Amino acid sequence: MKATKDTSCDSVALCAISSGIFGFPKVLCAKLIIDCIIDLSEETPDLLPAEIRITNSDQPTVEVCFLLLSQLLFIFIFISF
């Protein structure tokens, strides 16, 4: 994530690669990726690219990431009002 600033990237893709055939726990994988994005946005918001994609070809992992992001968005909207 921090390398995007050095390379002037407008977007970055983070792949949850180990959550598929290597068996890394899907929920933990999704949480680590999301926490990394949140931590960087709080510490150094100027380092964030305009677009961040969380990618994977494993549908169950995609669903876990979507669920966690949906919950986070709901909490953010609820707190904002």
C-alpha atoms as a PDB file:
ATOM      1  CA  MET A   1       0.000   0.000   0.000  1.00  0.00           C
ATOM      2  CA  LYS A   2       2.710   2.472   0.922  1.00  0.00           C
ATOM      3  CA  ALA A   3       4.542   1.699  -2.329  1.00  0.00           C
ATOM      4  CA  THR A   4       1.670   3.216  -4.301  1.00  0.00           C
ATOM      5  CA  LYS A   5       2.811   6.704  -3.303  1.00  0.00           C
ATOM      6  CA  ASP A   6       6.381   6.077  -4.465  1.00  0.00           C
ATOM      7  CA  THR A   7       5.212   4.779  -7.831  1.00  0.00           C
ATOM      8  CA  SER A   8       2.460   7.375  -8.339  1.00  0.00           C
ATOM      9  CA  CYS A   9      -0.188   4.660  -8.648  1.00  0.00           C
ATOM     10  CA  ASP A  10      -3.803   5.752  -8.831  1.00  0.00           C
ATOM     11  CA  SER A  11      -5.045   2.267  -7.998  1.00  0.00           C
ATOM     12  CA  VAL A  12      -3.900  -0.892  -6.262  1.00  0.00           C
ATOM     13  CA  ALA A  13      -5.236  -4.451  -6.151  1.00  0.00           C
ATOM     14  CA  LEU A  14      -4.796  -6.530  -3.016  1.00  0.00           C
ATOM     15  CA  CYS A  15      -5.185 -10.242  -3.630  1.00  0.00           C
ATOM     16  CA  ALA A  16      -6.307 -12.589  -0.878  1.00  0.00           C
ATOM     17  CA  ILE A  17      -4.159 -15.282  -2.468  1.00  0.00           C
ATOM     18  CA  SER A  18      -3.478 -17.567   0.515  1.00  0.00           C
ATOM     19  CA  SER A  19      -7.140 -17.899   1.459  1.00  0.00           C
ATOM     20  CA  GLY A  20      -7.848 -20.325  -1.373  1.00  0.00           C
ATOM     21  CA  ILE A  21      -5.882 -23.507  -1.883  1.00  0.00           C
ATOM     22  CA  PHE A  22      -3.391 -22.715   0.887  1.00  0.00           C
ATOM     23  CA  GLY A  23      -6.170 -22.716   3.466  1.00  0.00           C
ATOM     24  CA  PHE A  24      -5.452 -19.464   5.296  1.00  0.00           C
ATOM     25  CA  PRO A  25      -8.647 -18.645   7.256  1.00  0.00           C
ATOM     26  CA  LYS A  26     -10.882 -16.557   5.004  1.00  0.00           C
ATOM     27  CA  VAL A  27     -12.272 -14.295   7.731  1.00  0.00           C
ATOM     28  CA  LEU A  28      -8.816 -13.564   9.106  1.00  0.00           C
ATOM     29  CA  CYS A  29      -7.488 -12.899   5.601  1.00  0.00           C
ATOM     30  CA  ALA A  30     -10.290 -10.443   4.837  1.00  0.00           C
ATOM     31  CA  LYS A  31      -9.928  -8.758   8.217  1.00  0.00           C
ATOM     32  CA  LEU A  32      -6.158  -8.289   7.775  1.00  0.00           C
ATOM     33  CA  ILE A  33      -6.587  -6.724   4.333  1.00  0.00           C
ATOM     34  CA  ILE A  34      -9.375  -4.403   5.486  1.00  0.00           C
ATOM     35  CA  ASP A  35      -7.499  -3.467   8.662  1.00  0.00           C
ATOM     36  CA  CYS A  36      -4.417  -2.636   6.585  1.00  0.00           C
ATOM     37  CA  ILE A  37      -6.444  -0.268   4.412  1.00  0.00           C
ATOM     38  CA  ILE A  38      -8.120   1.358   7.428  1.00  0.00           C
ATOM     39  CA  ASP A  39      -4.852   1.738   9.341  1.00  0.00           C
ATOM     40  CA  LEU A  40      -3.101   3.354   6.387  1.00  0.00           C
ATOM     41  CA  SER A  41      -6.038   5.681   5.760  1.00  0.00           C
ATOM     42  CA  GLU A  42      -5.956   6.851   9.383  1.00  0.00           C
ATOM     43  CA  GLU A  43      -2.167   7.167   9.667  1.00  0.00           C
ATOM     44  CA  THR A  44      -1.321   8.630   6.274  1.00  0.00           C
ATOM     45  CA  PRO A  45      -4.408   9.412   4.196  1.00  0.00           C
ATOM     46  CA  ASP A  46      -2.261  11.078   1.532  1.00  0.00           C
ATOM     47  CA  LEU A  47      -0.742   7.663   0.690  1.00  0.00           C
ATOM     48  CA  LEU A  48      -4.041   6.108  -0.309  1.00  0.00           C
ATOM     49  CA  PRO A  49      -4.586   5.553  -4.009  1.00  0.00           C
ATOM     50  CA  ALA A  50      -7.875   6.707  -5.510  1.00  0.00           C
ATOM     51  CA  GLU A  51      -8.991   3.101  -6.020  1.00  0.00           C
ATOM     52  CA  ILE A  52      -8.328   0.006  -3.918  1.00  0.00           C
ATOM     53  CA  ARG A  53      -9.548  -3.376  -5.143  1.00  0.00           C
ATOM     54  CA  ILE A  54      -9.633  -6.489  -3.004  1.00  0.00           C
ATOM     55  CA  THR A  55      -9.369  -9.381  -5.433  1.00  0.00           C
ATOM     56  CA  ASN A  56      -9.596 -13.150  -5.435  1.00  0.00           C
ATOM     57  CA  SER A  57     -10.927 -15.858  -7.717  1.00  0.00           C
ATOM     58  CA  ASP A  58     -12.203 -17.911  -4.771  1.00  0.00           C
ATOM     59  CA  GLN A  59     -15.922 -17.101  -4.391  1.00  0.00           C
ATOM     60  CA  PRO A  60     -16.154 -17.948  -0.664  1.00  0.00           C
ATOM     61  CA  THR A  61     -13.338 -15.493   0.117  1.00  0.00           C
ATOM     62  CA  VAL A  62     -14.967 -12.839  -2.048  1.00  0.00           C
ATOM     63  CA  GLU A  63     -18.195 -13.309  -0.099  1.00  0.00           C
ATOM     64  CA  VAL A  64     -16.393 -12.958   3.261  1.00  0.00           C
ATOM     65  CA  CYS A  65     -14.665  -9.753   2.109  1.00  0.00           C
ATOM     66  CA  PHE A  66     -17.977  -8.387   0.844  1.00  0.00           C
ATOM     67  CA  LEU A  67     -19.717  -9.217   4.126  1.00  0.00           C
ATOM     68  CA  LEU A  68     -17.034  -7.586   6.281  1.00  0.00           C
ATOM     69  CA  LEU A  69     -16.925  -4.480   4.081  1.00  0.00           C
ATOM     70  CA  SER A  70     -20.739  -4.264   4.144  1.00  0.00           C
ATOM     71  CA  GLN A  71     -20.735  -4.424   7.942  1.00  0.00           C
ATOM     72  CA  LEU A  72     -18.047  -1.761   8.112  1.00  0.00           C
ATOM     73  CA  LEU A  73     -19.970   0.506   5.758  1.00  0.00           C
ATOM     74  CA  PHE A  74     -23.149   0.035   7.796  1.00  0.00           C
ATOM     75  CA  ILE A  75     -21.298   0.967  11.000  1.00  0.00           C
ATOM     76  CA  PHE A  76     -19.747   4.008   9.308  1.00  0.00           C
ATOM     77  CA  ILE A  77     -23.127   5.219   8.007  1.00  0.00           C
ATOM     78  CA  PHE A  78     -24.803   4.569  11.372  1.00  0.00           C
ATOM     79  CA  ILE A  79     -22.134   6.522  13.271  1.00  0.00           C
ATOM     80  CA  SER A  80     -22.221   9.380  10.760  1.00  0.00           C
ATOM     81  CA  PHE A  81     -25.893  10.133  11.428  1.00  0.00           C
END
